[in-house]
Amino acid sequence: MTLQEAIDARHSVRAYQDTAIAEETRAALDEFADSCNAEGKLHIFIRYDDPAGFDSKLAQYGSFRNVKNYIVLAGKKDEDFDFRCGYYGEKIVLYAQQLGLNTCWTALTFNKKMVQELIPEGESLCMVIALGYGETQGVDRKSKNAEDVVASKGEMPDWFRKGVEAALKAPTAINQQKFAFGMKDGEPAVKVKGFGVHTKVDLGIVAYHFEVGSDRKVAAIL
């Protein structure tokens, strides 16, 4: 499965099978997370066989069921911390999809008190991503059109449109899609458009999707 195929196939999944993640898959995920940490200067780690992370009323309210594995996005907080968590978190999400796993981003519907205790002093918790073999593969959600998230009008180059279309398949908080793409100094760029929750995390997620779709590096305007 290519990264573009992973983007097309990946949907948010909240209910999981009672199936343990194989040791070789865990090793591959951990190694990939380590490489993301080294590149992104983060402390992302994966908890396996730990249902306590989603043992909360909020998780039940959010319809999460049988979540026993999850990705913790953490690190030292600075100006672009949220963006980096989104960018590298989504890299791991798409890699997990390539390995046959399912995921769901969440900022609130997990046992935050318990997960917070796992974070070393001096670091901050950003978000958590549920992980495992889904009961289903999830469903498509409503999305904006490419023209709705491009700052300038007119014909888009093919590579740019492919990047935007990949970005529109990215998960964003409550499906708000509060972002806009354009050009800055001759290079593609993305910025927050309007107001919303966790928009800088979303910006990191959509930036990575754009790069996969366009094969061009995108700058973030934070």
N, C-alpha and C. Protein backbone atom coordinates (compact mmCIF):
# COMPACT_ATOMS: atom_id res chain seq x y z
N MET A 1 0.84 -1.20 0.00
CA MET A 1 0.00 0.00 0.00
C MET A 1 0.88 1.25 0.00
N THR A 2 0.67 2.14 -0.98
CA THR A 2 1.41 3.40 -1.02
C THR A 2 0.84 4.37 0.00
N LEU A 3 1.55 5.47 0.25
CA LEU A 3 1.03 6.49 1.16
C LEU A 3 -0.27 7.10 0.62
N GLN A 4 -0.34 7.32 -0.69
CA GLN A 4 -1.57 7.87 -1.25
C GLN A 4 -2.73 6.88 -1.07
N GLU A 5 -2.46 5.61 -1.24
CA GLU A 5 -3.50 4.60 -1.00
C GLU A 5 -3.90 4.57 0.47
N ALA A 6 -2.94 4.79 1.37
CA ALA A 6 -3.26 4.84 2.80
C ALA A 6 -4.15 6.04 3.10
N ILE A 7 -3.88 7.18 2.46
CA ILE A 7 -4.73 8.37 2.63
C ILE A 7 -6.16 8.07 2.17
N ASP A 8 -6.28 7.40 1.03
CA ASP A 8 -7.61 7.09 0.49
C ASP A 8 -8.36 6.09 1.36
N ALA A 9 -7.63 5.15 1.97
CA ALA A 9 -8.27 4.07 2.72
C ALA A 9 -8.55 4.44 4.17
N ARG A 10 -7.80 5.39 4.71
CA ARG A 10 -7.86 5.66 6.14
C ARG A 10 -9.08 6.50 6.52
N HIS A 11 -9.84 6.02 7.51
CA HIS A 11 -10.96 6.76 8.09
C HIS A 11 -10.88 6.59 9.61
N SER A 12 -11.50 7.48 10.35
CA SER A 12 -11.50 7.39 11.80
C SER A 12 -12.31 6.18 12.25
N VAL A 13 -11.72 5.40 13.17
CA VAL A 13 -12.37 4.20 13.69
C VAL A 13 -12.33 4.26 15.22
N ARG A 14 -13.48 4.08 15.85
CA ARG A 14 -13.57 4.19 17.31
C ARG A 14 -13.84 2.87 18.02
N ALA A 15 -14.23 1.84 17.29
CA ALA A 15 -14.51 0.53 17.90
C ALA A 15 -13.53 -0.49 17.34
N TYR A 16 -12.91 -1.27 18.23
CA TYR A 16 -11.81 -2.15 17.84
C TYR A 16 -12.06 -3.60 18.21
N GLN A 17 -11.46 -4.49 17.43
CA GLN A 17 -11.52 -5.91 17.71
C GLN A 17 -10.62 -6.24 18.91
N ASP A 18 -10.95 -7.34 19.54
CA ASP A 18 -10.13 -7.81 20.67
C ASP A 18 -8.98 -8.66 20.13
N THR A 19 -8.12 -8.03 19.33
CA THR A 19 -7.01 -8.72 18.68
C THR A 19 -5.71 -8.00 19.01
N ALA A 20 -4.76 -8.70 19.55
CA ALA A 20 -3.48 -8.08 19.91
C ALA A 20 -2.69 -7.73 18.65
N ILE A 21 -1.96 -6.63 18.73
CA ILE A 21 -1.08 -6.24 17.63
C ILE A 21 0.16 -7.13 17.66
N ALA A 22 0.50 -7.71 16.53
CA ALA A 22 1.62 -8.65 16.44
C ALA A 22 2.93 -7.99 16.83
N GLU A 23 3.84 -8.78 17.40
CA GLU A 23 5.12 -8.25 17.88
C GLU A 23 5.92 -7.58 16.77
N GLU A 24 5.94 -8.17 15.57
CA GLU A 24 6.70 -7.57 14.48
C GLU A 24 6.10 -6.24 14.03
N THR A 25 4.77 -6.13 14.14
CA THR A 25 4.11 -4.86 13.81
C THR A 25 4.44 -3.82 14.86
N ARG A 26 4.44 -4.21 16.13
CA ARG A 26 4.81 -3.29 17.20
C ARG A 26 6.24 -2.78 17.01
N ALA A 27 7.13 -3.68 16.67
CA ALA A 27 8.53 -3.29 16.49
C ALA A 27 8.67 -2.29 15.35
N ALA A 28 7.93 -2.53 14.26
CA ALA A 28 7.99 -1.63 13.12
C ALA A 28 7.42 -0.25 13.48
N LEU A 29 6.31 -0.23 14.20
CA LEU A 29 5.71 1.04 14.62
C LEU A 29 6.63 1.80 15.57
N ASP A 30 7.20 1.12 16.53
CA ASP A 30 8.09 1.77 17.49
C ASP A 30 9.32 2.35 16.80
N GLU A 31 9.86 1.61 15.86
CA GLU A 31 11.03 2.10 15.13
C GLU A 31 10.67 3.34 14.30
N PHE A 32 9.49 3.31 13.70
CA PHE A 32 9.05 4.45 12.89
C PHE A 32 8.80 5.66 13.79
N ALA A 33 8.19 5.45 14.96
CA ALA A 33 7.96 6.55 15.90
C ALA A 33 9.28 7.14 16.38
N ASP A 34 10.28 6.30 16.61
CA ASP A 34 11.59 6.78 17.01
C ASP A 34 12.20 7.70 15.95
N SER A 35 12.04 7.32 14.68
CA SER A 35 12.58 8.16 13.61
C SER A 35 11.84 9.49 13.53
N CYS A 36 10.53 9.47 13.77
CA CYS A 36 9.75 10.72 13.80
C CYS A 36 10.19 11.60 14.96
N ASN A 37 10.45 11.00 16.11
CA ASN A 37 10.91 11.77 17.27
C ASN A 37 12.25 12.44 16.99
N ALA A 38 13.15 11.70 16.35
CA ALA A 38 14.47 12.25 16.05
C ALA A 38 14.37 13.42 15.08
N GLU A 39 13.51 13.27 14.08
CA GLU A 39 13.35 14.31 13.08
C GLU A 39 12.55 15.50 13.59
N GLY A 40 11.50 15.20 14.36
CA GLY A 40 10.58 16.25 14.80
C GLY A 40 10.84 16.79 16.19
N LYS A 41 11.87 16.26 16.87
CA LYS A 41 12.19 16.71 18.24
C LYS A 41 10.97 16.59 19.15
N LEU A 42 10.39 15.39 19.17
CA LEU A 42 9.21 15.12 19.97
C LEU A 42 9.43 13.89 20.84
N HIS A 43 8.45 13.59 21.68
CA HIS A 43 8.47 12.37 22.48
C HIS A 43 7.15 11.63 22.25
N ILE A 44 7.04 11.04 21.07
CA ILE A 44 5.87 10.24 20.73
C ILE A 44 6.16 8.79 21.14
N PHE A 45 5.20 8.17 21.83
CA PHE A 45 5.38 6.77 22.20
C PHE A 45 4.05 6.05 22.11
N ILE A 46 4.12 4.73 22.02
CA ILE A 46 2.93 3.91 21.80
C ILE A 46 2.72 2.98 22.99
N ARG A 47 1.51 2.98 23.50
CA ARG A 47 1.13 2.08 24.59
C ARG A 47 0.35 0.91 24.01
N TYR A 48 0.77 -0.29 24.37
CA TYR A 48 0.10 -1.50 23.89
C TYR A 48 -0.56 -2.22 25.06
N ASP A 49 -1.67 -2.87 24.80
CA ASP A 49 -2.36 -3.69 25.80
C ASP A 49 -2.64 -2.91 27.08
N ASP A 50 -3.10 -1.69 26.92
CA ASP A 50 -3.33 -0.80 28.07
C ASP A 50 -4.71 -0.15 27.95
N PRO A 51 -5.77 -0.87 28.30
CA PRO A 51 -7.13 -0.33 28.20
C PRO A 51 -7.40 0.84 29.13
N ALA A 52 -6.55 1.05 30.14
CA ALA A 52 -6.78 2.14 31.09
C ALA A 52 -6.74 3.50 30.41
N GLY A 53 -6.02 3.62 29.31
CA GLY A 53 -5.92 4.90 28.63
C GLY A 53 -7.24 5.42 28.10
N PHE A 54 -8.18 4.51 27.84
CA PHE A 54 -9.51 4.91 27.35
C PHE A 54 -10.61 4.44 28.30
N ASP A 55 -10.25 4.24 29.56
CA ASP A 55 -11.23 3.87 30.57
C ASP A 55 -11.75 5.14 31.23
N SER A 56 -12.73 5.76 30.59
CA SER A 56 -13.29 7.01 31.13
C SER A 56 -14.69 7.22 30.57
N LYS A 57 -15.45 8.04 31.26
CA LYS A 57 -16.80 8.35 30.78
C LYS A 57 -16.75 9.12 29.47
N LEU A 58 -15.71 9.96 29.32
CA LEU A 58 -15.58 10.71 28.07
C LEU A 58 -15.36 9.78 26.89
N ALA A 59 -14.57 8.74 27.09
CA ALA A 59 -14.33 7.78 26.01
C ALA A 59 -15.62 7.07 25.64
N GLN A 60 -16.41 6.71 26.64
CA GLN A 60 -17.69 6.07 26.37
C GLN A 60 -18.64 7.03 25.66
N TYR A 61 -18.62 8.28 26.08
CA TYR A 61 -19.43 9.31 25.44
C TYR A 61 -19.03 9.48 23.98
N GLY A 62 -17.75 9.38 23.72
CA GLY A 62 -17.25 9.52 22.35
C GLY A 62 -17.35 8.26 21.53
N SER A 63 -18.05 7.24 22.05
CA SER A 63 -18.30 5.98 21.35
C SER A 63 -17.04 5.16 21.11
N PHE A 64 -15.98 5.40 21.89
CA PHE A 64 -14.80 4.54 21.79
C PHE A 64 -15.08 3.22 22.49
N ARG A 65 -14.68 2.13 21.87
CA ARG A 65 -14.94 0.81 22.43
C ARG A 65 -13.74 -0.11 22.20
N ASN A 66 -13.32 -0.76 23.27
CA ASN A 66 -12.27 -1.78 23.22
C ASN A 66 -10.93 -1.22 22.72
N VAL A 67 -10.62 0.01 23.11
CA VAL A 67 -9.33 0.60 22.74
C VAL A 67 -8.28 0.14 23.76
N LYS A 68 -7.33 -0.64 23.30
CA LYS A 68 -6.29 -1.16 24.19
C LYS A 68 -4.89 -0.68 23.80
N ASN A 69 -4.80 0.01 22.67
CA ASN A 69 -3.51 0.51 22.19
C ASN A 69 -3.71 1.97 21.75
N TYR A 70 -2.71 2.79 22.01
CA TYR A 70 -2.85 4.19 21.62
C TYR A 70 -1.48 4.85 21.50
N ILE A 71 -1.45 5.87 20.65
CA ILE A 71 -0.24 6.65 20.41
C ILE A 71 -0.33 7.93 21.22
N VAL A 72 0.71 8.24 21.98
CA VAL A 72 0.75 9.45 22.80
C VAL A 72 1.66 10.47 22.13
N LEU A 73 1.13 11.65 21.86
CA LEU A 73 1.89 12.74 21.25
C LEU A 73 2.32 13.71 22.33
N ALA A 74 3.60 13.78 22.58
CA ALA A 74 4.11 14.62 23.67
C ALA A 74 5.49 15.16 23.30
N GLY A 75 5.96 16.07 24.13
CA GLY A 75 7.29 16.65 23.92
C GLY A 75 7.40 17.99 24.61
N LYS A 76 8.51 18.65 24.39
CA LYS A 76 8.73 19.97 24.98
C LYS A 76 7.96 21.01 24.15
N LYS A 77 7.14 21.79 24.82
CA LYS A 77 6.24 22.72 24.14
C LYS A 77 6.99 23.97 23.70
N ASP A 78 6.79 24.35 22.44
CA ASP A 78 7.30 25.60 21.92
C ASP A 78 6.30 26.12 20.90
N GLU A 79 6.69 27.11 20.11
CA GLU A 79 5.74 27.78 19.21
C GLU A 79 5.11 26.83 18.20
N ASP A 80 5.89 25.89 17.66
CA ASP A 80 5.34 25.00 16.63
C ASP A 80 5.12 23.57 17.13
N PHE A 81 5.02 23.41 18.45
CA PHE A 81 4.81 22.09 19.05
C PHE A 81 3.55 21.42 18.50
N ASP A 82 2.43 22.12 18.50
CA ASP A 82 1.18 21.53 18.03
C ASP A 82 1.27 21.14 16.55
N PHE A 83 1.88 21.99 15.74
CA PHE A 83 2.04 21.68 14.32
C PHE A 83 2.86 20.41 14.15
N ARG A 84 3.97 20.31 14.86
CA ARG A 84 4.84 19.14 14.73
C ARG A 84 4.14 17.87 15.20
N CYS A 85 3.34 17.98 16.26
CA CYS A 85 2.58 16.81 16.73
C CYS A 85 1.60 16.35 15.65
N GLY A 86 0.94 17.30 15.00
CA GLY A 86 0.02 16.94 13.93
C GLY A 86 0.74 16.30 12.75
N TYR A 87 1.85 16.91 12.34
CA TYR A 87 2.59 16.44 11.18
C TYR A 87 3.14 15.03 11.40
N TYR A 88 3.86 14.84 12.50
CA TYR A 88 4.48 13.54 12.74
C TYR A 88 3.49 12.51 13.26
N GLY A 89 2.47 12.96 13.97
CA GLY A 89 1.42 12.03 14.37
C GLY A 89 0.73 11.42 13.17
N GLU A 90 0.46 12.25 12.15
CA GLU A 90 -0.20 11.73 10.96
C GLU A 90 0.72 10.85 10.14
N LYS A 91 2.02 11.12 10.18
CA LYS A 91 2.96 10.21 9.52
C LYS A 91 2.83 8.81 10.10
N ILE A 92 2.73 8.73 11.42
CA ILE A 92 2.60 7.43 12.09
C ILE A 92 1.23 6.82 11.78
N VAL A 93 0.19 7.64 11.75
CA VAL A 93 -1.15 7.16 11.42
C VAL A 93 -1.18 6.49 10.05
N LEU A 94 -0.60 7.14 9.06
CA LEU A 94 -0.61 6.57 7.71
C LEU A 94 0.28 5.34 7.62
N TYR A 95 1.38 5.34 8.37
CA TYR A 95 2.22 4.14 8.40
C TYR A 95 1.45 2.98 9.05
N ALA A 96 0.71 3.28 10.12
CA ALA A 96 -0.11 2.24 10.76
C ALA A 96 -1.15 1.70 9.77
N GLN A 97 -1.73 2.57 8.97
CA GLN A 97 -2.70 2.13 7.96
C GLN A 97 -2.03 1.19 6.96
N GLN A 98 -0.81 1.50 6.58
CA GLN A 98 -0.07 0.62 5.67
C GLN A 98 0.18 -0.75 6.29
N LEU A 99 0.26 -0.80 7.61
CA LEU A 99 0.49 -2.06 8.32
C LEU A 99 -0.81 -2.80 8.61
N GLY A 100 -1.94 -2.26 8.14
CA GLY A 100 -3.23 -2.93 8.32
C GLY A 100 -3.97 -2.55 9.59
N LEU A 101 -3.56 -1.45 10.24
CA LEU A 101 -4.19 -1.00 11.48
C LEU A 101 -5.12 0.18 11.21
N ASN A 102 -5.95 0.47 12.20
CA ASN A 102 -6.87 1.61 12.14
C ASN A 102 -6.58 2.56 13.29
N THR A 103 -7.05 3.79 13.15
CA THR A 103 -6.72 4.84 14.12
C THR A 103 -7.85 5.83 14.27
N CYS A 104 -7.76 6.63 15.32
CA CYS A 104 -8.67 7.77 15.50
C CYS A 104 -8.00 8.81 16.41
N TRP A 105 -7.87 10.04 15.90
CA TRP A 105 -7.33 11.13 16.70
C TRP A 105 -8.34 11.55 17.76
N THR A 106 -7.86 11.91 18.95
CA THR A 106 -8.74 12.44 19.97
C THR A 106 -7.98 13.40 20.89
N ALA A 107 -8.64 14.52 21.21
CA ALA A 107 -8.05 15.51 22.10
C ALA A 107 -8.65 15.44 23.50
N LEU A 108 -9.84 14.86 23.63
CA LEU A 108 -10.54 14.89 24.91
C LEU A 108 -11.03 13.52 25.37
N THR A 109 -11.51 12.68 24.46
CA THR A 109 -12.22 11.47 24.85
C THR A 109 -11.28 10.30 25.15
N PHE A 110 -10.44 10.52 26.15
CA PHE A 110 -9.59 9.45 26.69
C PHE A 110 -9.37 9.76 28.16
N ASN A 111 -8.69 8.90 28.87
CA ASN A 111 -8.44 9.10 30.30
C ASN A 111 -7.23 10.02 30.46
N LYS A 112 -7.49 11.32 30.39
CA LYS A 112 -6.40 12.29 30.35
C LYS A 112 -5.57 12.26 31.62
N LYS A 113 -6.18 12.07 32.78
CA LYS A 113 -5.43 12.04 34.03
C LYS A 113 -4.43 10.89 34.02
N MET A 114 -4.86 9.73 33.57
CA MET A 114 -3.99 8.57 33.55
C MET A 114 -2.86 8.75 32.54
N VAL A 115 -3.19 9.22 31.33
CA VAL A 115 -2.18 9.40 30.30
C VAL A 115 -1.19 10.49 30.70
N GLN A 116 -1.68 11.54 31.34
CA GLN A 116 -0.81 12.63 31.77
C GLN A 116 0.29 12.14 32.71
N GLU A 117 -0.02 11.13 33.49
CA GLU A 117 0.97 10.58 34.42
C GLU A 117 2.12 9.88 33.69
N LEU A 118 1.94 9.56 32.43
CA LEU A 118 2.99 8.92 31.64
C LEU A 118 3.98 9.93 31.07
N ILE A 119 3.64 11.21 31.12
CA ILE A 119 4.44 12.25 30.50
C ILE A 119 5.53 12.72 31.47
N PRO A 120 6.79 12.69 31.07
CA PRO A 120 7.87 13.15 31.96
C PRO A 120 7.74 14.63 32.32
N GLU A 121 8.28 14.99 33.45
CA GLU A 121 8.28 16.40 33.87
C GLU A 121 9.01 17.24 32.83
N GLY A 122 8.46 18.40 32.55
CA GLY A 122 9.06 19.29 31.57
C GLY A 122 8.53 19.11 30.16
N GLU A 123 7.67 18.08 29.97
CA GLU A 123 7.07 17.85 28.66
C GLU A 123 5.56 18.08 28.73
N SER A 124 4.96 18.26 27.57
CA SER A 124 3.52 18.52 27.49
C SER A 124 2.84 17.43 26.67
N LEU A 125 1.60 17.13 27.04
CA LEU A 125 0.76 16.20 26.29
C LEU A 125 -0.04 16.99 25.26
N CYS A 126 0.00 16.55 24.01
CA CYS A 126 -0.77 17.21 22.97
C CYS A 126 -2.09 16.48 22.74
N MET A 127 -2.01 15.29 22.19
CA MET A 127 -3.20 14.50 21.88
C MET A 127 -2.86 13.01 21.98
N VAL A 128 -3.89 12.20 21.79
CA VAL A 128 -3.76 10.75 21.79
C VAL A 128 -4.45 10.21 20.54
N ILE A 129 -3.92 9.13 20.00
CA ILE A 129 -4.50 8.50 18.81
C ILE A 129 -4.81 7.04 19.14
N ALA A 130 -6.09 6.67 19.09
CA ALA A 130 -6.48 5.27 19.29
C ALA A 130 -5.90 4.43 18.15
N LEU A 131 -5.55 3.18 18.47
CA LEU A 131 -4.84 2.33 17.52
C LEU A 131 -5.28 0.87 17.68
N GLY A 132 -5.44 0.17 16.58
CA GLY A 132 -5.77 -1.25 16.65
C GLY A 132 -6.41 -1.73 15.37
N TYR A 133 -7.01 -2.92 15.44
CA TYR A 133 -7.73 -3.48 14.31
C TYR A 133 -9.20 -3.14 14.46
N GLY A 134 -9.70 -2.30 13.58
CA GLY A 134 -11.05 -1.81 13.72
C GLY A 134 -12.12 -2.87 13.45
N GLU A 135 -13.27 -2.69 14.09
CA GLU A 135 -14.42 -3.54 13.78
C GLU A 135 -14.89 -3.28 12.35
N THR A 136 -14.68 -2.04 11.88
CA THR A 136 -14.94 -1.67 10.49
C THR A 136 -13.75 -0.85 10.01
N GLN A 137 -13.78 -0.45 8.76
CA GLN A 137 -12.74 0.41 8.22
C GLN A 137 -13.15 1.88 8.25
N GLY A 138 -14.25 2.20 8.92
CA GLY A 138 -14.71 3.57 8.99
C GLY A 138 -15.47 3.98 7.74
N VAL A 139 -15.92 5.20 7.71
CA VAL A 139 -16.73 5.69 6.59
C VAL A 139 -16.22 7.05 6.13
N ASP A 140 -16.55 7.39 4.89
CA ASP A 140 -16.23 8.72 4.37
C ASP A 140 -16.99 9.78 5.14
N ARG A 141 -16.45 10.97 5.17
CA ARG A 141 -17.14 12.09 5.80
C ARG A 141 -17.29 13.22 4.79
N LYS A 142 -18.17 14.14 5.10
CA LYS A 142 -18.39 15.29 4.22
C LYS A 142 -17.12 16.14 4.16
N SER A 143 -16.81 16.65 2.98
CA SER A 143 -15.59 17.43 2.81
C SER A 143 -15.85 18.66 1.95
N LYS A 144 -15.03 19.68 2.16
CA LYS A 144 -15.07 20.85 1.30
C LYS A 144 -14.50 20.51 -0.08
N ASN A 145 -14.72 21.40 -1.03
CA ASN A 145 -14.10 21.28 -2.34
C ASN A 145 -12.72 21.93 -2.33
N ALA A 146 -11.89 21.56 -3.29
CA ALA A 146 -10.54 22.13 -3.37
C ALA A 146 -10.57 23.65 -3.42
N GLU A 147 -11.50 24.20 -4.20
CA GLU A 147 -11.58 25.66 -4.34
C GLU A 147 -11.91 26.36 -3.03
N ASP A 148 -12.52 25.63 -2.10
CA ASP A 148 -12.91 26.22 -0.81
C ASP A 148 -11.72 26.46 0.11
N VAL A 149 -10.60 25.77 -0.14
CA VAL A 149 -9.46 25.86 0.78
C VAL A 149 -8.21 26.36 0.06
N VAL A 150 -8.39 27.08 -1.03
CA VAL A 150 -7.28 27.71 -1.75
C VAL A 150 -7.46 29.21 -1.69
N ALA A 151 -6.42 29.90 -1.25
CA ALA A 151 -6.52 31.34 -1.01
C ALA A 151 -6.68 32.14 -2.30
N SER A 152 -6.04 31.72 -3.37
CA SER A 152 -6.10 32.47 -4.63
C SER A 152 -7.04 31.79 -5.61
N LYS A 153 -7.60 32.57 -6.51
CA LYS A 153 -8.50 32.05 -7.52
C LYS A 153 -7.72 31.74 -8.80
N GLY A 154 -8.35 30.99 -9.70
CA GLY A 154 -7.71 30.67 -10.96
C GLY A 154 -7.34 29.21 -11.05
N GLU A 155 -6.77 28.83 -12.19
CA GLU A 155 -6.41 27.46 -12.46
C GLU A 155 -5.27 27.00 -11.54
N MET A 156 -5.43 25.84 -10.95
CA MET A 156 -4.39 25.28 -10.09
C MET A 156 -3.50 24.34 -10.90
N PRO A 157 -2.18 24.39 -10.72
CA PRO A 157 -1.32 23.39 -11.34
C PRO A 157 -1.73 22.00 -10.87
N ASP A 158 -1.51 21.00 -11.70
CA ASP A 158 -1.94 19.64 -11.38
C ASP A 158 -1.35 19.16 -10.06
N TRP A 159 -0.05 19.41 -9.82
CA TRP A 159 0.58 18.96 -8.59
C TRP A 159 -0.04 19.63 -7.37
N PHE A 160 -0.42 20.91 -7.53
CA PHE A 160 -1.00 21.66 -6.42
C PHE A 160 -2.39 21.11 -6.09
N ARG A 161 -3.19 20.86 -7.13
CA ARG A 161 -4.53 20.30 -6.91
C ARG A 161 -4.44 18.93 -6.23
N LYS A 162 -3.50 18.10 -6.66
CA LYS A 162 -3.34 16.79 -6.03
C LYS A 162 -2.99 16.93 -4.55
N GLY A 163 -2.16 17.91 -4.22
CA GLY A 163 -1.82 18.15 -2.83
C GLY A 163 -3.01 18.58 -2.02
N VAL A 164 -3.81 19.50 -2.57
CA VAL A 164 -5.00 19.99 -1.87
C VAL A 164 -6.02 18.87 -1.69
N GLU A 165 -6.21 18.06 -2.73
CA GLU A 165 -7.17 16.95 -2.63
C GLU A 165 -6.74 15.93 -1.57
N ALA A 166 -5.45 15.70 -1.45
CA ALA A 166 -4.96 14.82 -0.39
C ALA A 166 -5.18 15.45 0.98
N ALA A 167 -4.97 16.77 1.07
CA ALA A 167 -5.17 17.47 2.34
C ALA A 167 -6.62 17.43 2.78
N LEU A 168 -7.54 17.46 1.83
CA LEU A 168 -8.97 17.43 2.17
C LEU A 168 -9.40 16.07 2.72
N LYS A 169 -8.58 15.05 2.56
CA LYS A 169 -8.87 13.73 3.13
C LYS A 169 -8.25 13.56 4.51
N ALA A 170 -7.59 14.61 5.01
CA ALA A 170 -6.95 14.55 6.33
C ALA A 170 -7.99 14.71 7.43
N PRO A 171 -7.78 14.03 8.55
CA PRO A 171 -8.67 14.25 9.70
C PRO A 171 -8.40 15.62 10.34
N THR A 172 -9.45 16.34 10.68
CA THR A 172 -9.32 17.60 11.41
C THR A 172 -10.34 17.61 12.54
N ALA A 173 -10.07 18.41 13.56
CA ALA A 173 -10.95 18.47 14.74
C ALA A 173 -12.38 18.79 14.31
N ILE A 174 -13.30 17.94 14.75
CA ILE A 174 -14.73 18.03 14.43
C ILE A 174 -14.96 18.35 12.94
N ASN A 175 -14.07 17.83 12.10
CA ASN A 175 -14.17 17.95 10.65
C ASN A 175 -14.31 19.41 10.20
N GLN A 176 -13.60 20.34 10.88
CA GLN A 176 -13.80 21.76 10.61
C GLN A 176 -13.05 22.25 9.38
N GLN A 177 -11.92 21.61 9.02
CA GLN A 177 -11.16 21.96 7.82
C GLN A 177 -10.89 23.48 7.76
N LYS A 178 -10.35 24.01 8.85
CA LYS A 178 -10.07 25.45 8.94
C LYS A 178 -8.65 25.75 8.45
N PHE A 179 -8.43 25.56 7.16
CA PHE A 179 -7.11 25.82 6.60
C PHE A 179 -7.25 26.34 5.18
N ALA A 180 -6.18 26.98 4.70
CA ALA A 180 -6.16 27.49 3.33
C ALA A 180 -4.75 27.34 2.77
N PHE A 181 -4.67 26.91 1.52
CA PHE A 181 -3.39 26.76 0.83
C PHE A 181 -3.18 27.90 -0.16
N GLY A 182 -1.93 28.24 -0.35
CA GLY A 182 -1.56 29.26 -1.32
C GLY A 182 -0.08 29.13 -1.64
N MET A 183 0.49 30.21 -2.16
CA MET A 183 1.91 30.23 -2.49
C MET A 183 2.58 31.37 -1.73
N LYS A 184 3.79 31.12 -1.26
CA LYS A 184 4.59 32.14 -0.58
C LYS A 184 6.03 32.01 -1.05
N ASP A 185 6.55 33.09 -1.62
CA ASP A 185 7.93 33.09 -2.14
C ASP A 185 8.15 31.95 -3.12
N GLY A 186 7.12 31.67 -3.93
CA GLY A 186 7.23 30.65 -4.96
C GLY A 186 7.05 29.23 -4.49
N GLU A 187 6.73 29.03 -3.22
CA GLU A 187 6.56 27.69 -2.66
C GLU A 187 5.17 27.54 -2.05
N PRO A 188 4.61 26.32 -2.05
CA PRO A 188 3.29 26.12 -1.43
C PRO A 188 3.33 26.37 0.07
N ALA A 189 2.25 26.93 0.57
CA ALA A 189 2.16 27.26 2.00
C ALA A 189 0.73 27.02 2.48
N VAL A 190 0.59 26.77 3.77
CA VAL A 190 -0.72 26.56 4.37
C VAL A 190 -0.83 27.38 5.64
N LYS A 191 -2.03 27.88 5.91
CA LYS A 191 -2.27 28.67 7.11
C LYS A 191 -3.66 28.35 7.66
N VAL A 192 -3.88 28.74 8.90
CA VAL A 192 -5.20 28.60 9.51
C VAL A 192 -6.13 29.62 8.88
N LYS A 193 -7.33 29.19 8.59
CA LYS A 193 -8.36 30.07 8.02
C LYS A 193 -9.55 30.09 8.96
N GLY A 194 -9.80 31.24 9.58
CA GLY A 194 -10.89 31.36 10.52
C GLY A 194 -10.50 30.90 11.91
N PHE A 195 -11.50 30.58 12.72
CA PHE A 195 -11.27 30.18 14.10
C PHE A 195 -11.80 28.76 14.32
N GLY A 196 -11.10 28.02 15.16
CA GLY A 196 -11.51 26.65 15.47
C GLY A 196 -10.64 26.07 16.56
N VAL A 197 -10.96 24.86 16.96
CA VAL A 197 -10.18 24.19 18.01
C VAL A 197 -9.06 23.38 17.39
N HIS A 198 -7.91 23.39 18.05
CA HIS A 198 -6.76 22.56 17.66
C HIS A 198 -6.34 22.79 16.20
N THR A 199 -6.46 24.04 15.75
CA THR A 199 -6.18 24.32 14.34
C THR A 199 -4.70 24.13 13.98
N LYS A 200 -3.79 24.36 14.91
CA LYS A 200 -2.37 24.18 14.58
C LYS A 200 -2.02 22.70 14.46
N VAL A 201 -2.65 21.85 15.25
CA VAL A 201 -2.47 20.41 15.07
C VAL A 201 -3.01 20.02 13.69
N ASP A 202 -4.21 20.49 13.38
CA ASP A 202 -4.80 20.21 12.07
C ASP A 202 -3.88 20.66 10.94
N LEU A 203 -3.23 21.81 11.12
CA LEU A 203 -2.35 22.34 10.09
C LEU A 203 -1.20 21.38 9.81
N GLY A 204 -0.65 20.79 10.86
CA GLY A 204 0.41 19.81 10.67
C GLY A 204 -0.07 18.57 9.93
N ILE A 205 -1.28 18.12 10.27
CA ILE A 205 -1.85 16.94 9.61
C ILE A 205 -2.06 17.20 8.12
N VAL A 206 -2.70 18.33 7.79
CA VAL A 206 -2.99 18.60 6.38
C VAL A 206 -1.73 18.91 5.60
N ALA A 207 -0.72 19.49 6.26
CA ALA A 207 0.54 19.76 5.57
C ALA A 207 1.19 18.46 5.12
N TYR A 208 1.16 17.45 5.98
CA TYR A 208 1.76 16.17 5.59
C TYR A 208 0.98 15.54 4.43
N HIS A 209 -0.34 15.60 4.50
CA HIS A 209 -1.15 15.06 3.40
C HIS A 209 -0.84 15.78 2.10
N PHE A 210 -0.71 17.10 2.15
CA PHE A 210 -0.40 17.87 0.94
C PHE A 210 0.93 17.41 0.35
N GLU A 211 1.91 17.20 1.20
CA GLU A 211 3.23 16.78 0.72
C GLU A 211 3.17 15.41 0.06
N VAL A 212 2.37 14.50 0.62
CA VAL A 212 2.22 13.19 0.00
C VAL A 212 1.56 13.31 -1.37
N GLY A 213 0.49 14.13 -1.45
CA GLY A 213 -0.24 14.25 -2.69
C GLY A 213 0.50 15.01 -3.78
N SER A 214 1.27 16.01 -3.40
CA SER A 214 1.92 16.89 -4.38
C SER A 214 3.38 16.54 -4.63
N ASP A 215 3.99 15.82 -3.70
CA ASP A 215 5.43 15.56 -3.73
C ASP A 215 6.23 16.86 -3.65
N ARG A 216 5.67 17.83 -2.94
CA ARG A 216 6.34 19.11 -2.71
C ARG A 216 6.31 19.44 -1.23
N LYS A 217 7.37 20.02 -0.73
CA LYS A 217 7.40 20.45 0.67
C LYS A 217 6.52 21.68 0.83
N VAL A 218 5.76 21.73 1.90
CA VAL A 218 4.87 22.86 2.14
C VAL A 218 5.30 23.59 3.41
N ALA A 219 5.29 24.90 3.38
CA ALA A 219 5.61 25.71 4.56
C ALA A 219 4.33 26.04 5.32
N ALA A 220 4.43 26.09 6.63
CA ALA A 220 3.29 26.45 7.46
C ALA A 220 3.44 27.89 7.94
N ILE A 221 2.36 28.63 7.87
CA ILE A 221 2.34 30.00 8.38
C ILE A 221 1.62 29.95 9.73
N LEU A 222 2.40 29.96 10.81
CA LEU A 222 1.83 29.80 12.15
C LEU A 222 1.50 31.14 12.78
